[in-house]
Amino acid sequence: MNTSTIQSKVKIQDARLDVLLKRYQVIRAFTDKLCESLENEDYVIQSMQDVSPTRWHIAHTSWFFETFILKNHCPDYQVFHKRFNYLFNSYYNAVGDQHCRDRRGVLSRPTVDQIYKYRSYIDEWILVLFDKCRDKLTDKVLDIFEVGLNHEQQHQELMLMDIKHVFSCNPLKPIYKNTEINVSGNPPAVQWIDFKEGLHEVGHRGEGFAYDNETPAHKVYLNNFQLASRLVTNGEYKEFMSDKGYSRAEFWLSDAWSLLKKEKWQTPLYWEFNDGEWWQFTLTGMKKVNDHEPVCHVSFYEADAYARWAGKRLPTEFEWEVVAKGVQKTGHFVEDENYHPIALNSENDGDPIKQLYGYVWEWTASPYMAYPGFKAAQGALGEYNGKFMCNQMVLRGGCCATSVSHIRPTYRNFFMPYNRWQFSGFRLAQ
């Protein structure tokens, strides 16, 4: 290898280091911004098993960089607290034991102040790492660092999901952000867009970050199908409710019907009927249900039941991806600071398929499974996605709590079919 080639590679590596450090600082600052309106008491509550206290998210995202980057690649680094590995390890068995997930909210210590000192400590050492240990930051290490960046963006969304559930359980109905939701918009009638049968490549290939569950790229055959031009709205979902959709077993899967009877579901999560009108709890307070907004906080079971009621079906994840690859990545994301899916404006023409990105995560008909030839990453990070490929369903497209820089056509989110505290909705296919 000649001198010019070596110098060129060094410049490329230095450029990548600078970009990743800047992204680190931007992402960490955005996490702080999302917490600006919280009081210390808000940080510590766990309202159900799936919810984690905000304090835990703040610590866990720092723990990730400490565990997978600083401990292994910064020789002078000293751990902040030896028991934090137990408290803030989420599910990485290769790293050690973990505190019970459903008991994260019973701990009064460490305090919120101590957690932020831990976070600052990690930030300071990351700067030391990038300054003093640059020669140790190989592409392999930087790939792990980039996982950490995307991991924190996932937890930013989880923080909004979780604090919404926490606040919804409070009779005072606290307001997270006193922002007026953009209520304008009158969605156009649904159009059915045709897509011809054929062989298509799906999955991630080429440059740019992707999680291991998006790989390898492979071919799938799709039959002719039609996809709805937009998401199902609150008004349309009300029609299902008015037609006793929650009381008619013929629309529900067996597991769904059993859960429905047990939990007594009658509406999407966060809906309430008061003074003759439907209201919903949002991060900006109690709001009247806007018929034009995408229906949100429904489970896969509810989306599937609605589709059966309507005589349609949910799209597969591959149908969704093939369509999305041909659509510009515009939408409604967390950067818009509405923290709630807004109505589609009928004047927004452009692509015939609308609302593919942002707004709400779209349930698909696809179980979360490995792609042909999938290999989980080596070491503890191999536990990130692969071990959850059982009993869950795939969602696509991002939502109003997702960062625009975090989403792509191949991104696969996944939840249990009964989960509905995430910002999830759906569109129909046939």
Protein backbone atom coordinates (compact mmCIF):
# COMPACT_ATOMS: atom_id res chain seq x y z
CA MET A 1 0.00 0.00 0.00
CA ASN A 2 1.56 3.32 -1.07
CA THR A 3 1.78 6.47 1.05
CA SER A 4 -1.02 8.33 -0.77
CA THR A 5 -3.43 5.41 -0.24
CA ILE A 6 -2.62 5.30 3.48
CA GLN A 7 -3.09 9.04 3.80
CA SER A 8 -6.40 8.82 1.97
CA LYS A 9 -7.65 6.11 4.33
CA VAL A 10 -6.56 8.13 7.36
CA LYS A 11 -8.48 11.15 6.08
CA ILE A 12 -11.60 9.06 5.50
CA GLN A 13 -11.34 7.59 8.99
CA ASP A 14 -10.81 11.02 10.55
CA ALA A 15 -13.83 12.36 8.67
CA ARG A 16 -15.98 9.50 9.96
CA LEU A 17 -14.79 10.12 13.51
CA ASP A 18 -15.71 13.79 13.28
CA VAL A 19 -19.17 13.02 11.84
CA LEU A 20 -19.96 10.42 14.49
CA LEU A 21 -18.80 12.61 17.37
CA LYS A 22 -20.98 15.45 16.09
CA ARG A 23 -23.95 13.08 15.78
CA TYR A 24 -23.32 11.86 19.29
CA GLN A 25 -23.49 15.38 20.65
CA VAL A 26 -26.61 16.25 18.65
CA ILE A 27 -28.46 13.09 19.67
CA ARG A 28 -27.51 13.42 23.35
CA ALA A 29 -28.62 17.05 23.31
CA PHE A 30 -31.96 16.04 21.82
CA THR A 31 -32.49 13.53 24.64
CA ASP A 32 -31.92 16.37 27.10
CA LYS A 33 -34.39 18.55 25.20
CA LEU A 34 -37.09 15.89 25.44
CA CYS A 35 -36.71 15.96 29.23
CA GLU A 36 -36.82 19.75 29.68
CA SER A 37 -40.47 19.84 30.75
CA LEU A 38 -40.22 16.98 33.26
CA GLU A 39 -40.09 17.30 37.02
CA ASN A 40 -37.93 14.95 39.08
CA GLU A 41 -41.03 13.06 40.22
CA ASP A 42 -41.91 12.31 36.57
CA TYR A 43 -38.61 10.50 36.00
CA VAL A 44 -39.19 7.67 38.48
CA ILE A 45 -42.64 6.20 37.76
CA GLN A 46 -43.26 2.89 36.01
CA SER A 47 -46.96 2.66 35.13
CA MET A 48 -46.91 -0.87 33.68
CA GLN A 49 -44.40 -3.61 32.91
CA ASP A 50 -43.70 -2.41 29.37
CA VAL A 51 -43.00 1.14 30.54
CA SER A 52 -39.61 2.13 31.93
CA PRO A 53 -39.06 5.23 34.09
CA THR A 54 -37.49 8.12 32.21
CA ARG A 55 -34.61 7.98 34.67
CA TRP A 56 -33.89 4.42 33.54
CA HIS A 57 -33.79 5.43 29.86
CA ILE A 58 -31.34 8.24 30.64
CA ALA A 59 -29.06 5.83 32.49
CA HIS A 60 -29.40 2.88 30.11
CA THR A 61 -28.39 4.86 27.03
CA SER A 62 -25.26 5.99 28.86
CA TRP A 63 -24.65 2.44 30.09
CA PHE A 64 -24.62 1.29 26.46
CA PHE A 65 -21.69 3.55 25.56
CA GLU A 66 -19.89 2.69 28.79
CA THR A 67 -20.31 -1.07 28.31
CA PHE A 68 -19.67 -1.50 24.61
CA ILE A 69 -17.30 1.38 23.90
CA LEU A 70 -15.50 2.92 26.87
CA LYS A 71 -14.77 -0.23 28.88
CA ASN A 72 -13.28 -1.99 25.86
CA HIS A 73 -11.52 0.80 23.99
CA CYS A 74 -10.51 3.52 26.45
CA PRO A 75 -7.60 2.16 28.57
CA ASP A 76 -7.81 4.73 31.38
CA TYR A 77 -11.57 4.54 31.79
CA GLN A 78 -12.94 3.80 35.28
CA VAL A 79 -16.57 2.73 35.66
CA PHE A 80 -18.81 5.31 37.29
CA HIS A 81 -20.51 2.82 39.63
CA LYS A 82 -19.90 -0.92 39.72
CA ARG A 83 -23.58 -1.78 40.37
CA PHE A 84 -24.90 0.26 37.43
CA ASN A 85 -24.15 -2.65 35.12
CA TYR A 86 -26.76 -4.67 37.01
CA LEU A 87 -29.30 -1.83 37.28
CA PHE A 88 -29.14 -0.56 33.70
CA ASN A 89 -28.41 -3.64 31.61
CA SER A 90 -31.66 -4.25 29.74
CA TYR A 91 -31.48 -7.80 28.38
CA TYR A 92 -27.87 -8.57 27.43
CA ASN A 93 -27.27 -11.89 29.15
CA ALA A 94 -23.71 -12.03 27.81
CA VAL A 95 -22.93 -8.87 29.80
CA GLY A 96 -24.35 -10.10 33.10
CA ASP A 97 -27.48 -10.30 35.22
CA GLN A 98 -30.13 -7.58 35.16
CA HIS A 99 -32.51 -6.01 37.63
CA CYS A 100 -36.12 -7.12 37.00
CA ARG A 101 -37.65 -5.13 34.19
CA ASP A 102 -41.06 -4.83 35.85
CA ARG A 103 -39.48 -3.46 39.05
CA ARG A 104 -37.49 -0.57 37.60
CA GLY A 105 -39.98 1.85 39.14
CA VAL A 106 -39.64 0.66 42.75
CA LEU A 107 -36.14 2.06 43.25
CA SER A 108 -35.69 5.50 44.81
CA ARG A 109 -31.93 5.42 44.21
CA PRO A 110 -29.88 6.32 42.30
CA THR A 111 -31.48 9.74 42.24
CA VAL A 112 -32.23 11.69 39.09
CA ASP A 113 -29.31 13.98 39.96
CA GLN A 114 -26.94 11.00 40.23
CA ILE A 115 -28.17 9.68 36.89
CA TYR A 116 -27.38 12.98 35.20
CA LYS A 117 -23.94 13.02 36.80
CA TYR A 118 -23.43 9.55 35.31
CA ARG A 119 -24.59 10.80 31.92
CA SER A 120 -22.18 13.77 32.05
CA TYR A 121 -19.37 11.47 33.12
CA ILE A 122 -19.93 9.28 30.05
CA ASP A 123 -20.06 12.32 27.77
CA GLU A 124 -16.74 13.57 29.12
CA TRP A 125 -15.07 10.22 28.60
CA ILE A 126 -16.41 9.91 25.06
CA LEU A 127 -14.59 13.17 24.29
CA VAL A 128 -11.42 11.72 25.84
CA LEU A 129 -11.84 8.59 23.74
CA PHE A 130 -12.16 10.51 20.48
CA ASP A 131 -9.24 12.76 21.40
CA LYS A 132 -6.69 10.43 22.98
CA CYS A 133 -7.61 6.99 21.60
CA ARG A 134 -8.37 7.73 17.97
CA ASP A 135 -6.00 5.03 16.80
CA LYS A 136 -8.09 2.41 18.64
CA LEU A 137 -11.31 3.47 16.93
CA THR A 138 -11.34 1.05 14.03
CA ASP A 139 -14.26 0.71 11.64
CA LYS A 140 -15.51 -2.21 13.73
CA VAL A 141 -15.53 -0.08 16.88
CA LEU A 142 -17.20 2.81 15.07
CA ASP A 143 -19.87 0.45 13.77
CA ILE A 144 -20.73 -0.42 17.39
CA PHE A 145 -20.64 3.28 18.29
CA GLU A 146 -23.14 3.93 15.50
CA VAL A 147 -25.42 1.25 16.92
CA GLY A 148 -25.26 3.21 20.18
CA LEU A 149 -26.39 6.38 18.42
CA ASN A 150 -29.36 4.66 16.83
CA HIS A 151 -30.08 2.88 20.09
CA GLU A 152 -30.40 6.24 21.86
CA GLN A 153 -32.79 7.48 19.17
CA GLN A 154 -34.95 4.41 19.81
CA HIS A 155 -35.00 5.27 23.50
CA GLN A 156 -35.96 8.86 22.76
CA GLU A 157 -39.13 7.50 21.18
CA LEU A 158 -39.62 5.07 24.07
CA MET A 159 -39.31 7.94 26.52
CA LEU A 160 -42.21 9.75 24.83
CA MET A 161 -44.29 6.57 24.68
CA ASP A 162 -43.62 5.82 28.32
CA ILE A 163 -44.14 9.27 29.78
CA LYS A 164 -47.42 9.49 27.85
CA HIS A 165 -48.61 6.31 29.54
CA VAL A 166 -47.37 7.52 32.93
CA PHE A 167 -49.19 10.84 32.58
CA SER A 168 -52.36 9.17 31.29
CA CYS A 169 -52.64 7.23 34.56
CA ASN A 170 -52.70 10.46 36.57
CA PRO A 171 -56.21 11.88 37.18
CA LEU A 172 -54.74 15.37 36.78
CA LYS A 173 -53.87 14.47 33.16
CA PRO A 174 -50.55 16.38 33.18
CA ILE A 175 -49.40 18.12 30.02
CA TYR A 176 -45.97 17.13 28.73
CA LYS A 177 -45.69 19.99 26.24
CA ASN A 178 -48.12 22.88 26.01
CA THR A 179 -48.15 22.91 22.21
CA GLU A 180 -51.10 23.31 19.89
CA ILE A 181 -51.48 20.30 17.64
CA ASN A 182 -51.84 21.16 13.97
CA VAL A 183 -55.51 20.26 13.49
CA SER A 184 -55.85 21.44 9.89
CA GLY A 185 -56.37 18.92 7.17
CA ASN A 186 -59.18 17.10 5.48
CA PRO A 187 -57.86 13.84 4.05
CA PRO A 188 -58.84 12.97 0.51
CA ALA A 189 -60.90 9.85 -0.16
CA VAL A 190 -58.90 6.63 -0.16
CA GLN A 191 -57.52 5.65 -3.54
CA TRP A 192 -56.46 2.10 -4.28
CA ILE A 193 -53.04 2.12 -5.91
CA ASP A 194 -52.19 -0.89 -8.08
CA PHE A 195 -48.89 -2.74 -7.86
CA LYS A 196 -48.06 -5.49 -10.30
CA GLU A 197 -46.85 -8.93 -9.41
CA GLY A 198 -43.18 -9.71 -9.73
CA LEU A 199 -39.88 -10.49 -8.08
CA HIS A 200 -38.52 -7.75 -5.82
CA GLU A 201 -35.46 -7.25 -3.67
CA VAL A 202 -36.09 -6.36 -0.03
CA GLY A 203 -33.79 -5.74 2.91
CA HIS A 204 -30.78 -3.51 3.34
CA ARG A 205 -27.95 -3.52 0.84
CA GLY A 206 -25.14 -1.04 0.37
CA GLU A 207 -23.90 1.88 2.41
CA GLY A 208 -25.50 3.52 5.39
CA PHE A 209 -26.49 2.23 8.78
CA ALA A 210 -28.96 -0.62 9.22
CA TYR A 211 -29.72 -3.06 12.01
CA ASP A 212 -28.84 -6.70 11.51
CA ASN A 213 -32.53 -7.67 11.30
CA GLU A 214 -32.79 -5.69 8.03
CA THR A 215 -30.29 -8.04 6.38
CA PRO A 216 -29.45 -9.84 4.24
CA ALA A 217 -31.08 -8.36 1.15
CA HIS A 218 -33.02 -11.04 -0.66
CA LYS A 219 -35.69 -11.61 -3.27
CA VAL A 220 -39.41 -12.03 -2.62
CA TYR A 221 -42.23 -12.68 -5.06
CA LEU A 222 -45.32 -10.51 -4.66
CA ASN A 223 -48.66 -11.13 -6.29
CA ASN A 224 -50.73 -8.26 -7.67
CA PHE A 225 -51.94 -6.09 -4.82
CA GLN A 226 -53.49 -2.72 -4.08
CA LEU A 227 -52.45 -0.43 -1.24
CA ALA A 228 -54.59 2.28 0.29
CA SER A 229 -53.31 5.75 -0.52
CA ARG A 230 -53.45 6.87 3.12
CA LEU A 231 -53.81 5.71 6.71
CA VAL A 232 -57.11 4.77 8.34
CA THR A 233 -58.52 7.79 10.21
CA ASN A 234 -60.24 8.23 13.57
CA GLY A 235 -63.52 8.92 11.80
CA GLU A 236 -63.31 5.69 9.85
CA TYR A 237 -62.40 3.76 12.99
CA LYS A 238 -65.43 5.26 14.75
CA GLU A 239 -67.61 3.60 12.10
CA PHE A 240 -66.14 0.24 13.10
CA MET A 241 -66.90 1.03 16.74
CA SER A 242 -70.44 2.18 15.92
CA ASP A 243 -71.05 -1.06 14.05
CA LYS A 244 -70.28 -2.94 17.28
CA GLY A 245 -66.92 -4.02 15.92
CA TYR A 246 -65.59 -4.68 19.42
CA SER A 247 -68.53 -7.00 20.14
CA ARG A 248 -68.53 -9.15 16.99
CA ALA A 249 -66.34 -12.22 17.34
CA GLU A 250 -66.27 -12.91 13.59
CA PHE A 251 -63.73 -10.12 13.06
CA TRP A 252 -61.27 -11.17 15.76
CA LEU A 253 -58.50 -13.73 15.93
CA SER A 254 -58.97 -16.26 18.71
CA ASP A 255 -56.22 -14.87 20.95
CA ALA A 256 -57.46 -11.36 20.25
CA TRP A 257 -61.04 -12.18 21.22
CA SER A 258 -59.92 -13.75 24.50
CA LEU A 259 -57.83 -10.68 25.35
CA LEU A 260 -60.59 -8.32 24.27
CA LYS A 261 -63.05 -9.92 26.68
CA LYS A 262 -60.51 -9.98 29.49
CA GLU A 263 -59.35 -6.37 29.11
CA LYS A 264 -62.78 -5.05 28.08
CA TRP A 265 -61.37 -3.05 25.16
CA GLN A 266 -63.95 -0.86 23.45
CA THR A 267 -61.78 1.91 21.98
CA PRO A 268 -58.19 2.70 21.06
CA LEU A 269 -55.93 3.36 24.02
CA TYR A 270 -56.29 6.84 25.56
CA TRP A 271 -59.85 7.43 24.25
CA GLU A 272 -62.59 8.58 26.64
CA PHE A 273 -66.27 9.44 26.07
CA ASN A 274 -67.21 12.61 27.95
CA ASP A 275 -70.19 14.96 27.57
CA GLY A 276 -71.37 13.23 24.42
CA GLU A 277 -68.01 13.48 22.61
CA TRP A 278 -64.90 11.37 22.16
CA TRP A 279 -61.73 12.73 23.71
CA GLN A 280 -58.20 11.37 23.76
CA PHE A 281 -55.23 11.92 26.00
CA THR A 282 -52.20 13.33 24.19
CA LEU A 283 -48.82 14.62 25.29
CA THR A 284 -50.30 18.09 24.86
CA GLY A 285 -53.27 17.32 27.11
CA MET A 286 -56.84 16.09 26.60
CA LYS A 287 -58.07 16.84 23.07
CA LYS A 288 -61.27 16.10 21.21
CA VAL A 289 -60.79 13.21 18.82
CA ASN A 290 -60.20 14.70 15.38
CA ASP A 291 -61.92 12.50 12.79
CA HIS A 292 -59.34 13.43 10.16
CA GLU A 293 -56.26 12.30 12.09
CA PRO A 294 -54.83 8.79 11.67
CA VAL A 295 -56.17 6.41 14.29
CA CYS A 296 -53.40 5.76 16.80
CA HIS A 297 -52.60 3.52 19.76
CA VAL A 298 -54.31 0.44 18.38
CA SER A 299 -52.91 -3.07 18.64
CA PHE A 300 -52.28 -5.46 15.78
CA TYR A 301 -55.38 -7.30 16.94
CA GLU A 302 -57.51 -4.17 16.51
CA ALA A 303 -55.97 -3.28 13.15
CA ASP A 304 -56.55 -6.81 11.89
CA ALA A 305 -60.17 -6.83 13.15
CA TYR A 306 -60.89 -3.51 11.45
CA ALA A 307 -59.43 -4.80 8.19
CA ARG A 308 -61.66 -7.88 8.32
CA TRP A 309 -64.68 -5.69 9.10
CA ALA A 310 -63.84 -3.51 6.08
CA GLY A 311 -63.44 -6.56 3.82
CA LYS A 312 -59.74 -5.81 3.34
CA ARG A 313 -56.47 -6.90 4.93
CA LEU A 314 -53.23 -5.47 6.29
CA PRO A 315 -50.29 -5.26 3.89
CA THR A 316 -47.32 -7.54 4.35
CA GLU A 317 -44.08 -5.90 5.39
CA PHE A 318 -42.60 -6.63 1.97
CA GLU A 319 -45.50 -5.03 0.12
CA TRP A 320 -45.01 -1.97 2.31
CA GLU A 321 -41.24 -1.87 1.72
CA VAL A 322 -41.44 -2.28 -2.05
CA VAL A 323 -43.88 0.63 -2.23
CA ALA A 324 -41.90 2.79 0.23
CA LYS A 325 -38.66 2.47 -1.72
CA GLY A 326 -40.26 4.48 -4.50
CA VAL A 327 -41.61 7.24 -2.25
CA GLN A 328 -39.78 10.32 -0.95
CA LYS A 329 -39.06 10.20 2.79
CA THR A 330 -41.30 13.03 3.91
CA GLY A 331 -43.70 12.86 6.79
CA HIS A 332 -44.46 14.00 10.29
CA PHE A 333 -41.68 13.29 12.79
CA VAL A 334 -40.57 14.12 16.32
CA GLU A 335 -38.66 17.16 15.07
CA ASP A 336 -42.05 18.76 14.29
CA GLU A 337 -42.74 18.74 18.05
CA ASN A 338 -46.44 17.89 17.76
CA TYR A 339 -45.91 14.55 19.55
CA HIS A 340 -49.17 13.41 17.99
CA PRO A 341 -50.14 12.29 14.46
CA ILE A 342 -51.70 15.16 12.53
CA ALA A 343 -54.34 15.05 9.80
CA LEU A 344 -53.32 14.73 6.18
CA ASN A 345 -53.99 17.84 4.11
CA SER A 346 -55.93 17.04 0.94
CA GLU A 347 -54.04 19.79 -0.89
CA ASN A 348 -50.78 17.88 -0.44
CA ASP A 349 -50.70 16.10 -3.78
CA GLY A 350 -47.26 14.73 -4.82
CA ASP A 351 -46.91 10.97 -4.38
CA PRO A 352 -50.14 8.97 -4.75
CA ILE A 353 -49.16 6.96 -1.66
CA LYS A 354 -49.17 9.24 1.37
CA GLN A 355 -48.20 9.02 5.05
CA LEU A 356 -45.76 6.13 4.59
CA TYR A 357 -43.21 7.82 6.85
CA GLY A 358 -43.89 9.41 10.21
CA TYR A 359 -47.43 9.90 11.57
CA VAL A 360 -47.91 6.36 13.03
CA TRP A 361 -46.09 3.07 12.91
CA GLU A 362 -48.02 0.88 10.48
CA TRP A 363 -48.94 -2.63 11.52
CA THR A 364 -48.29 -5.21 8.84
CA ALA A 365 -49.56 -8.76 8.45
CA SER A 366 -46.01 -10.11 8.78
CA PRO A 367 -44.64 -11.95 11.81
CA TYR A 368 -41.22 -10.79 12.96
CA MET A 369 -38.90 -13.46 11.59
CA ALA A 370 -35.32 -13.79 10.38
CA TYR A 371 -34.59 -13.17 6.73
CA PRO A 372 -33.12 -16.08 4.74
CA GLY A 373 -29.43 -16.27 5.62
CA PHE A 374 -29.74 -13.97 8.65
CA LYS A 375 -26.84 -14.09 11.10
CA ALA A 376 -26.99 -12.24 14.38
CA ALA A 377 -24.01 -10.05 15.22
CA GLN A 378 -21.26 -11.67 17.27
CA GLY A 379 -21.03 -11.13 21.01
CA ALA A 380 -23.55 -9.43 23.26
CA LEU A 381 -24.88 -7.18 20.47
CA GLY A 382 -26.15 -10.31 18.77
CA GLU A 383 -28.91 -10.19 21.40
CA TYR A 384 -30.13 -6.79 20.14
CA ASN A 385 -32.70 -8.10 17.66
CA GLY A 386 -32.37 -11.77 16.85
CA LYS A 387 -33.61 -13.30 20.09
CA PHE A 388 -36.93 -11.45 19.81
CA MET A 389 -37.91 -13.14 16.54
CA CYS A 390 -40.85 -14.97 18.08
CA ASN A 391 -44.52 -14.07 18.69
CA GLN A 392 -44.17 -10.47 17.49
CA MET A 393 -45.47 -8.56 14.47
CA VAL A 394 -43.63 -6.13 12.20
CA LEU A 395 -44.46 -2.43 11.95
CA ARG A 396 -43.05 -0.07 9.34
CA GLY A 397 -42.57 3.60 8.59
CA GLY A 398 -41.87 5.44 11.85
CA CYS A 399 -44.22 7.79 13.70
CA CYS A 400 -44.65 11.28 15.12
CA ALA A 401 -42.19 10.34 17.91
CA THR A 402 -39.52 8.98 15.53
CA SER A 403 -36.59 11.06 14.32
CA VAL A 404 -36.51 11.65 10.57
CA SER A 405 -32.83 10.66 10.59
CA HIS A 406 -33.66 7.31 12.16
CA ILE A 407 -36.05 5.81 9.62
CA ARG A 408 -35.57 4.16 6.19
CA PRO A 409 -37.57 1.87 3.87
CA THR A 410 -35.96 -1.30 5.26
CA TYR A 411 -36.43 -0.47 8.97
CA ARG A 412 -38.30 -3.21 10.86
CA ASN A 413 -39.94 -2.34 14.15
CA PHE A 414 -41.66 -5.08 16.13
CA PHE A 415 -44.10 -5.38 19.01
CA MET A 416 -46.30 -8.02 20.55
CA PRO A 417 -49.69 -8.11 18.77
CA TYR A 418 -51.50 -6.87 21.87
CA ASN A 419 -49.22 -3.84 22.48
CA ARG A 420 -50.77 -0.45 21.86
CA TRP A 421 -48.94 2.13 23.96
CA GLN A 422 -46.65 2.79 21.00
CA PHE A 423 -47.79 5.29 18.34
CA SER A 424 -49.25 2.59 16.07
CA GLY A 425 -51.92 2.74 13.36
CA PHE A 426 -52.43 1.09 9.99
CA ARG A 427 -53.46 1.28 6.36
CA LEU A 428 -55.37 -1.29 4.35
CA ALA A 429 -54.41 -3.48 1.42
CA GLN A 430 -56.28 -5.82 -0.89
